[in-house]
């Protein structure tokens, strides 16, 4: 990315998708732990793609798109208060219109689940 000064910024349109296989619902339930809101560990194939130009801001990039796809191990927990926590770790194939490589995948999420 090229920047003319320290005040450049960008908000980018991104798309992310994953197929998750949750593998420890029964073990958690047998221990009396919460499984609501998919509170369990999982294996997943995840994908991410983003456009290289910001939809808001003036950050100038030298790429048209960027993406990544790969397997991850993760967990997510939704607590009775609605607080949601998640982590994914893996290695994926990263690419853009200029380059490609293997890269780590690290996603950390904090959120709030509304409703039941």
Protein backbone atom coordinates (compact mmCIF):
# COMPACT_ATOMS: atom_id res chain seq x y z
CA UNK A 1 0.00 0.00 0.00
CA UNK A 2 1.16 3.46 -0.82
CA UNK A 3 0.45 6.34 1.54
CA UNK A 4 1.07 10.01 0.93
CA UNK A 5 0.70 11.00 4.59
CA UNK A 6 -0.30 9.64 7.99
CA UNK A 7 -3.95 10.73 7.62
CA UNK A 8 -4.91 8.34 4.79
CA UNK A 9 -7.48 5.71 5.73
CA UNK A 10 -9.70 3.16 4.04
CA UNK A 11 -12.80 1.08 4.73
CA UNK A 12 -12.88 -1.96 2.46
CA UNK A 13 -15.74 -4.19 1.32
CA UNK A 14 -14.94 -7.79 2.29
CA UNK A 15 -16.64 -11.17 1.98
CA UNK A 16 -15.92 -14.10 4.28
CA UNK A 17 -17.38 -17.59 4.31
CA UNK A 18 -16.68 -20.86 6.07
CA UNK A 19 -17.98 -24.39 6.43
CA UNK A 20 -17.63 -25.54 10.05
CA UNK A 21 -17.63 -29.04 11.51
CA UNK A 22 -18.33 -28.83 15.26
CA UNK A 23 -16.85 -31.87 16.99
CA UNK A 24 -17.31 -31.61 20.77
CA UNK A 25 -20.97 -30.79 21.47
CA UNK A 26 -21.63 -34.12 23.20
CA UNK A 27 -18.47 -33.96 25.34
CA UNK A 28 -19.33 -30.41 26.49
CA UNK A 29 -22.95 -31.37 27.25
CA UNK A 30 -21.85 -34.45 29.26
CA UNK A 31 -19.65 -32.17 31.40
CA UNK A 32 -22.59 -29.83 32.00
CA UNK A 33 -21.07 -27.04 29.89
CA UNK A 34 -23.06 -24.66 27.71
CA UNK A 35 -23.57 -25.63 24.04
CA UNK A 36 -26.13 -22.98 23.08
CA UNK A 37 -25.16 -20.58 20.32
CA UNK A 38 -22.83 -23.25 18.88
CA UNK A 39 -20.52 -23.06 21.90
CA UNK A 40 -18.05 -25.72 20.80
CA UNK A 41 -14.76 -26.38 19.02
CA UNK A 42 -14.67 -26.83 15.25
CA UNK A 43 -12.62 -27.54 12.16
CA UNK A 44 -13.41 -25.36 9.16
CA UNK A 45 -12.49 -24.40 5.64
CA UNK A 46 -12.55 -20.62 5.49
CA UNK A 47 -12.30 -18.12 2.68
CA UNK A 48 -11.91 -14.36 2.52
CA UNK A 49 -11.82 -11.89 -0.36
CA UNK A 50 -11.65 -8.09 -0.43
CA UNK A 51 -11.59 -5.42 -3.12
CA UNK A 52 -8.33 -3.43 -3.28
CA UNK A 53 -9.99 -0.01 -3.40
CA UNK A 54 -11.68 1.41 -0.30
CA UNK A 55 -15.42 2.18 -0.34
CA UNK A 56 -14.71 5.01 2.11
CA UNK A 57 -11.48 6.90 2.50
CA UNK A 58 -8.52 7.76 0.34
CA UNK A 59 -5.99 5.00 1.08
CA UNK A 60 -4.24 4.17 -2.18
CA UNK A 61 -3.35 0.50 -2.77
CA UNK A 62 -1.47 -1.10 -5.65
CA UNK A 63 -3.73 -4.19 -5.80
CA UNK A 64 -7.18 -4.85 -7.26
CA UNK A 65 -8.16 -7.64 -4.85
CA UNK A 66 -6.81 -9.75 -2.00
CA UNK A 67 -7.98 -13.13 -0.73
CA UNK A 68 -7.13 -16.16 1.38
CA UNK A 69 -8.46 -19.70 1.69
CA UNK A 70 -7.43 -22.49 4.05
CA UNK A 71 -8.25 -24.89 6.89
CA UNK A 72 -8.58 -23.66 10.48
CA UNK A 73 -9.18 -24.98 13.98
CA UNK A 74 -11.36 -22.77 16.10
CA UNK A 75 -13.71 -22.39 19.01
CA UNK A 76 -16.61 -20.16 19.84
CA UNK A 77 -18.39 -19.60 23.11
CA UNK A 78 -21.67 -17.81 23.72
CA UNK A 79 -22.30 -17.08 27.38
CA UNK A 80 -25.67 -16.65 29.13
CA UNK A 81 -25.13 -12.88 29.16
CA UNK A 82 -24.98 -12.92 25.35
CA UNK A 83 -21.24 -12.22 25.21
CA UNK A 84 -19.68 -14.12 22.31
CA UNK A 85 -15.99 -15.04 21.95
CA UNK A 86 -14.24 -16.81 19.08
CA UNK A 87 -10.77 -17.72 17.83
CA UNK A 88 -9.55 -19.37 14.61
CA UNK A 89 -6.02 -20.52 13.78
CA UNK A 90 -4.71 -22.09 10.58
CA UNK A 91 -2.56 -21.77 7.47
CA UNK A 92 -3.89 -20.71 4.11
CA UNK A 93 -3.18 -19.83 0.52
CA UNK A 94 -3.10 -16.02 0.22
CA UNK A 95 -3.33 -14.25 -3.12
CA UNK A 96 -3.83 -10.92 -4.86
CA UNK A 97 -3.52 -9.79 -8.46
CA UNK A 98 0.28 -9.39 -8.05
CA UNK A 99 1.40 -12.23 -5.74
CA UNK A 100 0.55 -15.49 -3.97
CA UNK A 101 1.94 -17.20 -0.87
CA UNK A 102 1.22 -19.35 2.16
CA UNK A 103 0.19 -17.27 5.17
CA UNK A 104 -1.09 -17.76 8.73
CA UNK A 105 -4.81 -17.37 9.40
CA UNK A 106 -5.62 -15.78 12.76
CA UNK A 107 -9.14 -14.51 13.50
CA UNK A 108 -10.26 -13.25 16.91
CA UNK A 109 -13.86 -12.20 17.50
CA UNK A 110 -15.70 -10.47 20.31
CA UNK A 111 -19.40 -9.92 19.97
CA UNK A 112 -22.85 -9.99 21.42
CA UNK A 113 -25.62 -12.49 20.60
CA UNK A 114 -29.10 -10.96 20.65
CA UNK A 115 -32.21 -13.03 21.25
CA UNK A 116 -32.47 -16.62 22.44
